[in-house]
Amino acid sequence: MSAESNVQLRVSSGNQDPPYQAGKWLSLQALIDGQEMAALLNTLGNPYIFLVSGAQPRGSSAYPRQKFIEEYGAYIETLKRGQLPSDALVRTLFAAVWTLSPDHVYAVHVGEDKQLIRICKPVIQLQPHSMDYSPYDQKFRSMMFGQESISWGIQFSYPQMFQDPATHEVVKPNDVAKFPNTGLFQTLQRWMRNNSSATPFLVDEKKINVPMRLGKNCFAWINNHPQLVNKGLKVALPNSGSGE
């Protein structure tokens, strides 16, 4: 039995906990491969993963990290083959939170045998990330969803402001002792700087660098990405190094 499966979450009625209030988000979008995802989670100290996209079986705990890595790896392998990943997998798996402390989330029972995972303190929030390119102004835009959008991994977000549910005071989660996920997000940022690069797209032979990150291992296959192929887009392959 994995360690994360032993975590017992606090159960709330829902009414006893005020809604999670946070803002001034820092966000980072990245497409990395399966090995890079495993390396990232290892570097982060293997945080707890909780799925927050919908109801889970009552009593379920943290999502197994190895299963997350395997399913994320399957998403990448699908792109490598030039095929589209399952929307259901992406919506469920990528709608998650990462936290070093399981007490930053809690469970709310719904129905007879289901529960929802709610956030009560700052955690790294994941969302499926897609982007799109507009030939009209020659710009790439992040978090664009639709039939023509390009699936590009995950958006990782962390708040810089947070309302304490007990005191209702708005605070900055700078104290790593009280808010360990602040350090977790900073480690994630450093890992991304060292192991990924801004993406150098080629559009009509013109290079356009976009801030959405691409893992170093992905350059070998990224031009097989089916949605890039459909749009006639390519990523410029570096001669050496990855640059920023």
Protein backbone atom coordinates (compact mmCIF):
# COMPACT_ATOMS: atom_id res chain seq x y z
CA MET A 1 0.00 0.00 0.00
CA SER A 2 1.45 3.41 -0.96
CA ALA A 3 2.07 6.03 1.72
CA GLU A 4 -0.29 8.52 0.12
CA SER A 5 -3.19 6.05 0.32
CA ASN A 6 -2.94 6.16 4.13
CA VAL A 7 -3.69 9.88 4.38
CA GLN A 8 -6.94 10.58 6.21
CA LEU A 9 -8.48 13.86 5.11
CA ARG A 10 -10.50 16.05 7.40
CA VAL A 11 -14.19 15.81 6.56
CA SER A 12 -16.18 19.03 6.53
CA SER A 13 -19.88 19.63 6.23
CA GLY A 14 -18.99 22.27 3.67
CA ASN A 15 -20.81 24.98 5.63
CA GLN A 16 -18.18 25.07 8.37
CA ASP A 17 -15.42 26.06 5.94
CA PRO A 18 -15.62 29.37 4.07
CA PRO A 19 -14.86 29.31 0.35
CA TYR A 20 -11.17 29.34 -0.51
CA GLN A 21 -10.17 32.90 -1.42
CA ALA A 22 -6.87 33.51 -3.21
CA GLY A 23 -5.57 35.80 -5.92
CA LYS A 24 -2.68 37.47 -7.69
CA TRP A 25 -1.73 34.19 -9.32
CA LEU A 26 1.63 33.25 -10.74
CA SER A 27 1.14 30.76 -13.58
CA LEU A 28 3.51 28.66 -15.62
CA GLN A 29 2.50 26.61 -18.66
CA ALA A 30 4.61 23.66 -19.75
CA LEU A 31 4.68 20.57 -21.92
CA ILE A 32 7.24 18.10 -20.58
CA ASP A 33 7.64 14.40 -21.30
CA GLY A 34 6.91 11.46 -19.00
CA GLN A 35 10.45 11.06 -17.70
CA GLU A 36 10.63 14.77 -17.02
CA MET A 37 7.37 14.65 -15.08
CA ALA A 38 8.74 11.83 -12.91
CA ALA A 39 11.95 13.82 -12.35
CA LEU A 40 9.97 16.96 -11.48
CA LEU A 41 7.85 15.19 -8.86
CA ASN A 42 10.96 13.61 -7.39
CA THR A 43 12.68 17.01 -7.19
CA LEU A 44 9.62 18.44 -5.48
CA GLY A 45 9.85 15.77 -2.78
CA ASN A 46 6.94 13.75 -4.15
CA PRO A 47 4.04 15.99 -3.07
CA TYR A 48 0.56 14.67 -2.45
CA ILE A 49 -1.71 14.76 -5.51
CA PHE A 50 -5.44 15.29 -5.11
CA LEU A 51 -7.93 15.29 -7.98
CA VAL A 52 -10.41 18.15 -7.72
CA SER A 53 -12.32 17.95 -11.00
CA GLY A 54 -15.34 16.12 -9.61
CA ALA A 55 -16.68 13.67 -7.09
CA GLN A 56 -14.42 10.84 -5.97
CA PRO A 57 -15.34 7.66 -4.06
CA ARG A 58 -15.92 8.47 -0.41
CA GLY A 59 -12.86 7.75 1.71
CA SER A 60 -10.46 7.98 -1.22
CA SER A 61 -7.20 9.69 -0.45
CA ALA A 62 -4.31 11.14 -2.42
CA TYR A 63 -3.96 10.01 -6.02
CA PRO A 64 -1.04 7.57 -6.41
CA ARG A 65 1.96 9.44 -7.76
CA GLN A 66 3.10 6.49 -9.86
CA LYS A 67 -0.31 6.24 -11.47
CA PHE A 68 -0.24 9.97 -12.22
CA ILE A 69 3.19 9.57 -13.85
CA GLU A 70 2.04 6.58 -15.89
CA GLU A 71 -1.12 8.28 -17.12
CA TYR A 72 0.72 11.50 -17.90
CA GLY A 73 3.28 9.41 -19.79
CA ALA A 74 0.43 7.84 -21.80
CA TYR A 75 -0.74 11.36 -22.74
CA ILE A 76 2.76 12.16 -24.04
CA GLU A 77 3.11 8.87 -25.93
CA THR A 78 -0.18 9.59 -27.69
CA LEU A 79 1.13 12.95 -28.89
CA LYS A 80 4.38 11.32 -29.99
CA ARG A 81 2.39 8.96 -32.22
CA GLY A 82 0.68 11.93 -33.82
CA GLN A 83 -2.65 11.16 -32.17
CA LEU A 84 -4.98 13.20 -29.97
CA PRO A 85 -5.11 12.33 -26.26
CA SER A 86 -8.37 11.50 -24.53
CA ASP A 87 -10.22 14.63 -23.45
CA ALA A 88 -11.62 12.78 -20.44
CA LEU A 89 -8.13 11.80 -19.26
CA VAL A 90 -6.80 15.32 -19.65
CA ARG A 91 -9.77 16.96 -17.91
CA THR A 92 -9.60 14.58 -14.95
CA LEU A 93 -5.86 14.00 -14.48
CA PHE A 94 -4.71 17.56 -15.11
CA ALA A 95 -7.33 19.11 -12.82
CA ALA A 96 -5.41 18.41 -9.64
CA VAL A 97 -3.58 20.06 -6.78
CA TRP A 98 -0.09 19.33 -5.49
CA THR A 99 0.70 19.92 -1.83
CA LEU A 100 3.36 18.96 0.68
CA SER A 101 0.75 19.06 3.44
CA PRO A 102 -2.50 17.08 3.11
CA ASP A 103 -4.13 19.38 5.66
CA HIS A 104 -4.24 22.08 2.97
CA VAL A 105 -7.27 20.27 1.54
CA TYR A 106 -10.34 18.59 3.04
CA ALA A 107 -13.21 16.37 1.95
CA VAL A 108 -16.91 17.16 1.68
CA HIS A 109 -19.27 14.21 1.47
CA VAL A 110 -21.86 14.31 -1.31
CA GLY A 111 -24.57 11.78 -2.04
CA GLU A 112 -24.31 8.41 -0.35
CA ASP A 113 -20.83 7.34 -1.37
CA LYS A 114 -18.97 10.27 -2.96
CA GLN A 115 -16.80 13.14 -1.81
CA LEU A 116 -15.38 16.38 -3.18
CA ILE A 117 -11.88 17.64 -2.41
CA ARG A 118 -11.79 21.29 -1.41
CA ILE A 119 -8.83 23.63 -0.86
CA CYS A 120 -8.36 25.53 2.40
CA LYS A 121 -4.75 26.79 2.15
CA PRO A 122 -2.49 27.65 -0.80
CA VAL A 123 -1.57 24.68 -2.99
CA ILE A 124 -0.17 24.36 -6.51
CA GLN A 125 -3.20 24.16 -8.75
CA LEU A 126 -3.02 22.31 -12.05
CA GLN A 127 -5.23 22.86 -15.08
CA PRO A 128 -5.22 21.34 -18.56
CA HIS A 129 -3.38 23.79 -20.78
CA SER A 130 -4.16 24.52 -24.41
CA MET A 131 -3.09 27.39 -26.59
CA ASP A 132 -3.89 28.70 -30.03
CA TYR A 133 -2.25 30.71 -32.78
CA SER A 134 -3.92 33.56 -34.62
CA PRO A 135 -2.59 34.23 -38.13
CA TYR A 136 -4.31 37.64 -38.04
CA ASP A 137 -1.95 39.15 -35.47
CA GLN A 138 0.66 36.35 -35.47
CA LYS A 139 0.29 35.73 -31.73
CA PHE A 140 0.06 32.61 -29.59
CA ARG A 141 -2.42 32.80 -26.73
CA SER A 142 -2.48 30.62 -23.65
CA MET A 143 -5.49 28.89 -22.07
CA MET A 144 -7.49 28.83 -25.31
CA PHE A 145 -9.87 25.90 -25.63
CA GLY A 146 -11.71 24.71 -28.69
CA GLN A 147 -11.52 22.30 -31.59
CA GLU A 148 -8.60 24.21 -33.12
CA SER A 149 -6.57 24.65 -29.92
CA ILE A 150 -3.25 22.94 -29.25
CA SER A 151 -2.95 20.69 -26.18
CA TRP A 152 0.20 21.82 -24.40
CA GLY A 153 0.55 20.01 -21.10
CA ILE A 154 -0.34 21.66 -17.83
CA GLN A 155 -0.73 25.13 -16.35
CA PHE A 156 0.69 25.32 -12.81
CA SER A 157 -0.60 28.21 -10.68
CA TYR A 158 0.11 29.51 -7.19
CA PRO A 159 -1.46 32.51 -5.42
CA GLN A 160 0.46 35.47 -4.04
CA MET A 161 -2.48 36.57 -1.87
CA PHE A 162 -4.65 34.46 0.40
CA GLN A 163 -7.49 35.13 2.84
CA ASP A 164 -6.95 33.33 6.12
CA PRO A 165 -10.21 31.42 6.79
CA ALA A 166 -9.90 31.87 10.57
CA THR A 167 -9.03 35.58 10.80
CA HIS A 168 -10.31 36.68 7.35
CA GLU A 169 -7.07 38.65 7.03
CA VAL A 170 -5.61 38.87 3.53
CA VAL A 171 -2.00 37.75 3.73
CA LYS A 172 0.90 36.94 1.45
CA PRO A 173 1.87 33.27 1.82
CA ASN A 174 5.57 34.12 2.19
CA ASP A 175 6.21 32.22 5.42
CA VAL A 176 7.35 28.82 4.15
CA ALA A 177 6.94 27.33 7.63
CA LYS A 178 3.22 28.16 7.52
CA PHE A 179 2.81 27.79 3.76
CA PRO A 180 5.20 25.04 2.62
CA ASN A 181 3.75 25.03 -0.89
CA THR A 182 5.28 28.46 -1.46
CA GLY A 183 8.68 26.78 -1.42
CA LEU A 184 7.24 23.95 -3.50
CA PHE A 185 6.22 26.37 -6.26
CA GLN A 186 9.59 28.11 -6.14
CA THR A 187 11.30 24.75 -6.61
CA LEU A 188 8.99 24.01 -9.54
CA GLN A 189 9.95 27.34 -11.14
CA ARG A 190 13.67 26.59 -10.74
CA TRP A 191 13.24 23.10 -12.20
CA MET A 192 11.43 24.51 -15.22
CA ARG A 193 14.15 27.11 -15.81
CA ASN A 194 16.79 24.37 -15.78
CA ASN A 195 14.95 21.64 -17.69
CA SER A 196 12.73 23.42 -20.20
CA SER A 197 12.83 26.43 -22.47
CA ALA A 198 10.53 29.03 -23.93
CA THR A 199 9.14 27.48 -27.10
CA PRO A 200 10.62 28.73 -30.41
CA PHE A 201 7.86 28.29 -32.97
CA LEU A 202 8.43 28.59 -36.71
CA VAL A 203 5.59 30.31 -38.55
CA ASP A 204 6.19 30.84 -42.28
CA GLU A 205 9.93 30.52 -41.56
CA LYS A 206 9.70 33.26 -38.94
CA LYS A 207 10.74 32.34 -35.39
CA ILE A 208 8.30 33.36 -32.65
CA ASN A 209 9.38 32.65 -29.07
CA VAL A 210 6.48 32.09 -26.70
CA PRO A 211 6.69 31.86 -22.88
CA MET A 212 4.92 28.49 -22.73
CA ARG A 213 7.65 26.04 -21.74
CA LEU A 214 8.78 22.94 -23.59
CA GLY A 215 10.77 20.19 -21.87
CA LYS A 216 14.23 19.53 -23.32
CA ASN A 217 13.31 15.90 -24.03
CA CYS A 218 10.34 17.00 -26.12
CA PHE A 219 12.30 18.62 -28.94
CA ALA A 220 13.04 15.20 -30.43
CA TRP A 221 9.37 14.53 -31.21
CA ILE A 222 7.41 17.76 -30.79
CA ASN A 223 6.89 18.26 -34.54
CA ASN A 224 4.83 15.04 -34.55
CA HIS A 225 2.24 16.84 -32.39
CA PRO A 226 -0.97 16.32 -34.40
CA GLN A 227 -2.42 19.75 -33.69
CA LEU A 228 0.79 21.46 -34.79
CA VAL A 229 0.75 19.39 -37.98
CA ASN A 230 -2.88 20.33 -38.65
CA LYS A 231 -2.06 24.02 -38.30
CA GLY A 232 1.14 23.84 -40.33
CA LEU A 233 3.20 24.96 -37.33
CA LYS A 234 6.63 23.76 -36.30
CA VAL A 235 9.00 24.16 -33.39
CA ALA A 236 12.53 25.26 -34.26
CA LEU A 237 14.96 22.56 -33.15
CA PRO A 238 17.97 23.95 -31.26
CA ASN A 239 21.44 23.27 -32.60
CA SER A 240 22.79 23.11 -29.07
CA GLY A 241 21.40 23.83 -25.63
CA SER A 242 17.88 25.09 -25.12
CA GLY A 243 18.23 28.72 -24.20
CA GLU A 244 15.61 30.74 -22.41
